[in-house]
Amino acid sequence: MRRAALASLLLVAVAAPALAADAPAAKRPPRRIEKYDGPEIRWARSWQDAKDEAAERGLLVFLHSHGST
């Protein structure tokens, strides 16, 4: 009997915050995304573009691939 009661209390303790997180979005204020002023990281259009930009910035090019070549 104690195990069942303990399991029930544990279930309620875990489920209550999860159910509260699923509350309608109207009650929560919308999240504001601030513009990030740090370095911009994006895919290069070509290997030459990546090489040129790295040379301009004085950086190394990190190349990593999971594909078989």
PDB file of N, CA and C in Angstrom:
ATOM      1  N   MET A   1       0.813  -1.189   0.000  1.00  0.00           N
ATOM      2  CA  MET A   1       0.000   0.000   0.000  1.00  0.00           C
ATOM      3  C   MET A   1       0.863   1.262   0.000  1.00  0.00           C
ATOM      4  N   ARG A   2       1.937   1.229   0.782  1.00  0.00           N
ATOM      5  CA  ARG A   2       2.819   2.398   0.842  1.00  0.00           C
ATOM      6  C   ARG A   2       3.489   2.657  -0.510  1.00  0.00           C
ATOM      7  N   ARG A   3       3.871   1.561  -1.185  1.00  0.00           N
ATOM      8  CA  ARG A   3       4.527   1.719  -2.491  1.00  0.00           C
ATOM      9  C   ARG A   3       3.584   2.361  -3.495  1.00  0.00           C
ATOM     10  N   ALA A   4       2.327   1.950  -3.487  1.00  0.00           N
ATOM     11  CA  ALA A   4       1.348   2.522  -4.411  1.00  0.00           C
ATOM     12  C   ALA A   4       1.125   3.999  -4.094  1.00  0.00           C
ATOM     13  N   ALA A   5       1.048   4.332  -2.827  1.00  0.00           N
ATOM     14  CA  ALA A   5       0.848   5.731  -2.441  1.00  0.00           C
ATOM     15  C   ALA A   5       2.069   6.564  -2.826  1.00  0.00           C
ATOM     16  N   LEU A   6       3.246   6.016  -2.600  1.00  0.00           N
ATOM     17  CA  LEU A   6       4.468   6.724  -2.940  1.00  0.00           C
ATOM     18  C   LEU A   6       4.569   6.922  -4.452  1.00  0.00           C
ATOM     19  N   ALA A   7       4.223   5.889  -5.199  1.00  0.00           N
ATOM     20  CA  ALA A   7       4.255   5.985  -6.655  1.00  0.00           C
ATOM     21  C   ALA A   7       3.251   7.023  -7.146  1.00  0.00           C
ATOM     22  N   SER A   8       2.080   7.082  -6.534  1.00  0.00           N
ATOM     23  CA  SER A   8       1.068   8.070  -6.923  1.00  0.00           C
ATOM     24  C   SER A   8       1.543   9.478  -6.633  1.00  0.00           C
ATOM     25  N   LEU A   9       2.133   9.704  -5.467  1.00  0.00           N
ATOM     26  CA  LEU A   9       2.642  11.027  -5.125  1.00  0.00           C
ATOM     27  C   LEU A   9       3.767  11.441  -6.066  1.00  0.00           C
ATOM     28  N   LEU A  10       4.626  10.498  -6.384  1.00  0.00           N
ATOM     29  CA  LEU A  10       5.729  10.786  -7.291  1.00  0.00           C
ATOM     30  C   LEU A  10       5.200  11.154  -8.678  1.00  0.00           C
ATOM     31  N   LEU A  11       4.193  10.432  -9.141  1.00  0.00           N
ATOM     32  CA  LEU A  11       3.599  10.713 -10.439  1.00  0.00           C
ATOM     33  C   LEU A  11       2.981  12.112 -10.469  1.00  0.00           C
ATOM     34  N   VAL A  12       2.277  12.477  -9.417  1.00  0.00           N
ATOM     35  CA  VAL A  12       1.662  13.805  -9.345  1.00  0.00           C
ATOM     36  C   VAL A  12       2.744  14.881  -9.283  1.00  0.00           C
ATOM     37  N   ALA A  13       3.796  14.637  -8.524  1.00  0.00           N
ATOM     38  CA  ALA A  13       4.867  15.621  -8.388  1.00  0.00           C
ATOM     39  C   ALA A  13       5.590  15.842  -9.713  1.00  0.00           C
ATOM     40  N   VAL A  14       5.719  14.806 -10.507  1.00  0.00           N
ATOM     41  CA  VAL A  14       6.404  14.929 -11.800  1.00  0.00           C
ATOM     42  C   VAL A  14       5.466  15.478 -12.871  1.00  0.00           C
ATOM     43  N   ALA A  15       4.221  15.080 -12.861  1.00  0.00           N
ATOM     44  CA  ALA A  15       3.281  15.464 -13.913  1.00  0.00           C
ATOM     45  C   ALA A  15       2.782  16.897 -13.761  1.00  0.00           C
ATOM     46  N   ALA A  16       2.676  17.404 -12.556  1.00  0.00           N
ATOM     47  CA  ALA A  16       2.119  18.747 -12.343  1.00  0.00           C
ATOM     48  C   ALA A  16       2.913  19.830 -13.060  1.00  0.00           C
ATOM     49  N   PRO A  17       4.245  19.891 -12.926  1.00  0.00           N
ATOM     50  CA  PRO A  17       4.980  20.927 -13.672  1.00  0.00           C
ATOM     51  C   PRO A  17       4.882  20.749 -15.184  1.00  0.00           C
ATOM     52  N   ALA A  18       4.831  19.512 -15.642  1.00  0.00           N
ATOM     53  CA  ALA A  18       4.727  19.269 -17.080  1.00  0.00           C
ATOM     54  C   ALA A  18       3.384  19.745 -17.609  1.00  0.00           C
ATOM     55  N   LEU A  19       2.329  19.530 -16.850  1.00  0.00           N
ATOM     56  CA  LEU A  19       1.014  20.001 -17.279  1.00  0.00           C
ATOM     57  C   LEU A  19       0.941  21.523 -17.233  1.00  0.00           C
ATOM     58  N   ALA A  20       1.599  22.131 -16.257  1.00  0.00           N
ATOM     59  CA  ALA A  20       1.604  23.594 -16.163  1.00  0.00           C
ATOM     60  C   ALA A  20       2.367  24.197 -17.344  1.00  0.00           C
ATOM     61  N   ALA A  21       3.392  23.517 -17.823  1.00  0.00           N
ATOM     62  CA  ALA A  21       4.168  24.018 -18.961  1.00  0.00           C
ATOM     63  C   ALA A  21       3.354  23.990 -20.250  1.00  0.00           C
ATOM     64  N   ASP A  22       2.332  23.134 -20.303  1.00  0.00           N
ATOM     65  CA  ASP A  22       1.483  23.033 -21.489  1.00  0.00           C
ATOM     66  C   ASP A  22       0.311  24.008 -21.443  1.00  0.00           C
ATOM     67  N   ALA A  23       0.363  24.979 -20.542  1.00  0.00           N
ATOM     68  CA  ALA A  23      -0.708  25.966 -20.433  1.00  0.00           C
ATOM     69  C   ALA A  23      -0.800  26.752 -21.737  1.00  0.00           C
ATOM     70  N   PRO A  24      -1.960  27.307 -22.022  1.00  0.00           N
ATOM     71  CA  PRO A  24      -2.107  28.073 -23.269  1.00  0.00           C
ATOM     72  C   PRO A  24      -1.087  29.200 -23.364  1.00  0.00           C
ATOM     73  N   ALA A  25      -0.631  29.452 -24.569  1.00  0.00           N
ATOM     74  CA  ALA A  25       0.403  30.463 -24.783  1.00  0.00           C
ATOM     75  C   ALA A  25      -0.114  31.870 -24.501  1.00  0.00           C
ATOM     76  N   ALA A  26      -1.432  32.077 -24.479  1.00  0.00           N
ATOM     77  CA  ALA A  26      -1.990  33.399 -24.235  1.00  0.00           C
ATOM     78  C   ALA A  26      -1.661  33.891 -22.829  1.00  0.00           C
ATOM     79  N   LYS A  27      -1.469  32.983 -21.902  1.00  0.00           N
ATOM     80  CA  LYS A  27      -1.172  33.371 -20.522  1.00  0.00           C
ATOM     81  C   LYS A  27       0.287  33.774 -20.356  1.00  0.00           C
ATOM     82  N   ARG A  28       1.145  33.274 -21.223  1.00  0.00           N
ATOM     83  CA  ARG A  28       2.571  33.585 -21.124  1.00  0.00           C
ATOM     84  C   ARG A  28       2.919  34.712 -22.080  1.00  0.00           C
ATOM     85  N   PRO A  29       3.771  35.642 -21.664  1.00  0.00           N
ATOM     86  CA  PRO A  29       4.178  36.701 -22.592  1.00  0.00           C
ATOM     87  C   PRO A  29       5.066  36.115 -23.687  1.00  0.00           C
ATOM     88  N   PRO A  30       5.008  36.676 -24.896  1.00  0.00           N
ATOM     89  CA  PRO A  30       5.845  36.150 -25.981  1.00  0.00           C
ATOM     90  C   PRO A  30       7.323  36.401 -25.685  1.00  0.00           C
ATOM     91  N   ARG A  31       8.141  35.467 -26.119  1.00  0.00           N
ATOM     92  CA  ARG A  31       9.587  35.600 -25.916  1.00  0.00           C
ATOM     93  C   ARG A  31      10.143  36.568 -26.942  1.00  0.00           C
ATOM     94  N   ARG A  32      10.978  37.480 -26.491  1.00  0.00           N
ATOM     95  CA  ARG A  32      11.611  38.431 -27.403  1.00  0.00           C
ATOM     96  C   ARG A  32      13.002  37.929 -27.732  1.00  0.00           C
ATOM     97  N   ILE A  33      13.312  37.921 -28.997  1.00  0.00           N
ATOM     98  CA  ILE A  33      14.626  37.490 -29.448  1.00  0.00           C
ATOM     99  C   ILE A  33      15.437  38.738 -29.763  1.00  0.00           C
ATOM    100  N   GLU A  34      16.494  38.925 -29.023  1.00  0.00           N
ATOM    101  CA  GLU A  34      17.366  40.071 -29.235  1.00  0.00           C
ATOM    102  C   GLU A  34      18.329  39.775 -30.374  1.00  0.00           C
ATOM    103  N   LYS A  35      18.732  40.801 -31.093  1.00  0.00           N
ATOM    104  CA  LYS A  35      19.703  40.620 -32.175  1.00  0.00           C
ATOM    105  C   LYS A  35      21.056  40.305 -31.564  1.00  0.00           C
ATOM    106  N   TYR A  36      21.679  39.277 -32.059  1.00  0.00           N
ATOM    107  CA  TYR A  36      22.991  38.847 -31.586  1.00  0.00           C
ATOM    108  C   TYR A  36      24.063  39.626 -32.334  1.00  0.00           C
ATOM    109  N   ASP A  37      24.950  40.284 -31.596  1.00  0.00           N
ATOM    110  CA  ASP A  37      25.983  41.105 -32.216  1.00  0.00           C
ATOM    111  C   ASP A  37      27.328  40.390 -32.315  1.00  0.00           C
ATOM    112  N   GLY A  38      27.350  39.101 -32.114  1.00  0.00           N
ATOM    113  CA  GLY A  38      28.603  38.352 -32.176  1.00  0.00           C
ATOM    114  C   GLY A  38      28.972  37.974 -33.597  1.00  0.00           C
ATOM    115  N   PRO A  39      29.947  37.107 -33.739  1.00  0.00           N
ATOM    116  CA  PRO A  39      30.373  36.692 -35.081  1.00  0.00           C
ATOM    117  C   PRO A  39      29.277  35.901 -35.785  1.00  0.00           C
ATOM    118  N   GLU A  40      29.232  36.037 -37.079  1.00  0.00           N
ATOM    119  CA  GLU A  40      28.231  35.336 -37.876  1.00  0.00           C
ATOM    120  C   GLU A  40      28.827  34.033 -38.388  1.00  0.00           C
ATOM    121  N   ILE A  41      28.113  32.942 -38.148  1.00  0.00           N
ATOM    122  CA  ILE A  41      28.583  31.629 -38.593  1.00  0.00           C
ATOM    123  C   ILE A  41      27.575  31.094 -39.589  1.00  0.00           C
ATOM    124  N   ARG A  42      28.040  30.747 -40.782  1.00  0.00           N
ATOM    125  CA  ARG A  42      27.138  30.236 -41.809  1.00  0.00           C
ATOM    126  C   ARG A  42      27.932  29.329 -42.760  1.00  0.00           C
ATOM    127  N   TRP A  43      27.196  28.591 -43.580  1.00  0.00           N
ATOM    128  CA  TRP A  43      27.823  27.730 -44.580  1.00  0.00           C
ATOM    129  C   TRP A  43      28.422  28.597 -45.681  1.00  0.00           C
ATOM    130  N   ALA A  44      29.585  28.240 -46.144  1.00  0.00           N
ATOM    131  CA  ALA A  44      30.193  28.924 -47.298  1.00  0.00           C
ATOM    132  C   ALA A  44      29.587  28.353 -48.569  1.00  0.00           C
ATOM    133  N   ARG A  45      29.458  29.180 -49.580  1.00  0.00           N
ATOM    134  CA  ARG A  45      28.884  28.723 -50.852  1.00  0.00           C
ATOM    135  C   ARG A  45      29.858  27.828 -51.610  1.00  0.00           C
ATOM    136  N   SER A  46      31.150  28.051 -51.405  1.00  0.00           N
ATOM    137  CA  SER A  46      32.142  27.223 -52.084  1.00  0.00           C
ATOM    138  C   SER A  46      33.396  27.146 -51.221  1.00  0.00           C
ATOM    139  N   TRP A  47      34.269  26.217 -51.572  1.00  0.00           N
ATOM    140  CA  TRP A  47      35.529  26.068 -50.844  1.00  0.00           C
ATOM    141  C   TRP A  47      36.375  27.330 -50.998  1.00  0.00           C
ATOM    142  N   GLN A  48      36.375  27.909 -52.184  1.00  0.00           N
ATOM    143  CA  GLN A  48      37.176  29.112 -52.424  1.00  0.00           C
ATOM    144  C   GLN A  48      36.676  30.277 -51.572  1.00  0.00           C
ATOM    145  N   ASP A  49      35.358  30.440 -51.456  1.00  0.00           N
ATOM    146  CA  ASP A  49      34.799  31.493 -50.601  1.00  0.00           C
ATOM    147  C   ASP A  49      35.221  31.291 -49.151  1.00  0.00           C
ATOM    148  N   ALA A  50      35.189  30.050 -48.695  1.00  0.00           N
ATOM    149  CA  ALA A  50      35.587  29.753 -47.311  1.00  0.00           C
ATOM    150  C   ALA A  50      37.058  30.067 -47.097  1.00  0.00           C
ATOM    151  N   LYS A  51      37.897  29.681 -48.062  1.00  0.00           N
ATOM    152  CA  LYS A  51      39.334  29.951 -47.964  1.00  0.00           C
ATOM    153  C   LYS A  51      39.620  31.443 -47.947  1.00  0.00           C
ATOM    154  N   ASP A  52      38.960  32.179 -48.823  1.00  0.00           N
ATOM    155  CA  ASP A  52      39.186  33.624 -48.915  1.00  0.00           C
ATOM    156  C   ASP A  52      38.769  34.341 -47.628  1.00  0.00           C
ATOM    157  N   GLU A  53      37.608  33.977 -47.099  1.00  0.00           N
ATOM    158  CA  GLU A  53      37.141  34.625 -45.878  1.00  0.00           C
ATOM    159  C   GLU A  53      38.040  34.288 -44.694  1.00  0.00           C
ATOM    160  N   ALA A  54      38.486  33.048 -44.609  1.00  0.00           N
ATOM    161  CA  ALA A  54      39.391  32.658 -43.522  1.00  0.00           C
ATOM    162  C   ALA A  54      40.706  33.416 -43.628  1.00  0.00           C
ATOM    163  N   ALA A  55      41.200  33.603 -44.851  1.00  0.00           N
ATOM    164  CA  ALA A  55      42.447  34.346 -45.041  1.00  0.00           C
ATOM    165  C   ALA A  55      42.269  35.813 -44.644  1.00  0.00           C
ATOM    166  N   GLU A  56      41.122  36.408 -44.978  1.00  0.00           N
ATOM    167  CA  GLU A  56      40.848  37.800 -44.601  1.00  0.00           C
ATOM    168  C   GLU A  56      40.816  37.981 -43.090  1.00  0.00           C
ATOM    169  N   ARG A  57      40.220  37.008 -42.409  1.00  0.00           N
ATOM    170  CA  ARG A  57      40.072  37.110 -40.957  1.00  0.00           C
ATOM    171  C   ARG A  57      41.272  36.563 -40.193  1.00  0.00           C
ATOM    172  N   GLY A  58      42.189  35.916 -40.909  1.00  0.00           N
ATOM    173  CA  GLY A  58      43.355  35.328 -40.257  1.00  0.00           C
ATOM    174  C   GLY A  58      42.998  34.116 -39.415  1.00  0.00           C
ATOM    175  N   LEU A  59      42.059  33.314 -39.910  1.00  0.00           N
ATOM    176  CA  LEU A  59      41.575  32.150 -39.175  1.00  0.00           C
ATOM    177  C   LEU A  59      41.890  30.860 -39.912  1.00  0.00           C
ATOM    178  N   LEU A  60      41.824  29.769 -39.181  1.00  0.00           N
ATOM    179  CA  LEU A  60      41.955  28.446 -39.780  1.00  0.00           C
ATOM    180  C   LEU A  60      40.593  27.983 -40.279  1.00  0.00           C
ATOM    181  N   VAL A  61      40.581  27.092 -41.243  1.00  0.00           N
ATOM    182  CA  VAL A  61      39.337  26.495 -41.722  1.00  0.00           C
ATOM    183  C   VAL A  61      39.221  25.124 -41.079  1.00  0.00           C
ATOM    184  N   PHE A  62      38.095  24.895 -40.394  1.00  0.00           N
ATOM    185  CA  PHE A  62      37.844  23.604 -39.767  1.00  0.00           C
ATOM    186  C   PHE A  62      36.916  22.829 -40.677  1.00  0.00           C
ATOM    187  N   LEU A  63      37.400  21.732 -41.216  1.00  0.00           N
ATOM    188  CA  LEU A  63      36.623  20.919 -42.139  1.00  0.00           C
ATOM    189  C   LEU A  63      36.312  19.591 -41.469  1.00  0.00           C
ATOM    190  N   HIS A  64      35.031  19.258 -41.399  1.00  0.00           N
ATOM    191  CA  HIS A  64      34.626  18.013 -40.757  1.00  0.00           C
ATOM    192  C   HIS A  64      33.526  17.394 -41.603  1.00  0.00           C
ATOM    193  N   SER A  65      33.613  16.115 -41.847  1.00  0.00           N
ATOM    194  CA  SER A  65      32.620  15.462 -42.680  1.00  0.00           C
ATOM    195  C   SER A  65      32.292  14.090 -42.121  1.00  0.00           C
ATOM    196  N   HIS A  66      31.008  13.732 -42.180  1.00  0.00           N
ATOM    197  CA  HIS A  66      30.577  12.405 -41.785  1.00  0.00           C
ATOM    198  C   HIS A  66      30.357  11.521 -43.025  1.00  0.00           C
ATOM    199  N   GLY A  67      30.440  12.129 -44.191  1.00  0.00           N
ATOM    200  CA  GLY A  67      30.211  11.381 -45.415  1.00  0.00           C
ATOM    201  C   GLY A  67      31.451  10.616 -45.841  1.00  0.00           C
ATOM    202  N   SER A  68      31.242   9.613 -46.644  1.00  0.00           N
ATOM    203  CA  SER A  68      32.385   8.865 -47.169  1.00  0.00           C
ATOM    204  C   SER A  68      32.827   9.522 -48.471  1.00  0.00           C
ATOM    205  N   THR A  69      34.129   9.690 -48.618  1.00  0.00           N
ATOM    206  CA  THR A  69      34.637  10.332 -49.823  1.00  0.00           C
ATOM    207  C   THR A  69      35.594   9.435 -50.548  1.00  0.00           C
TER     208      THR A  69
END
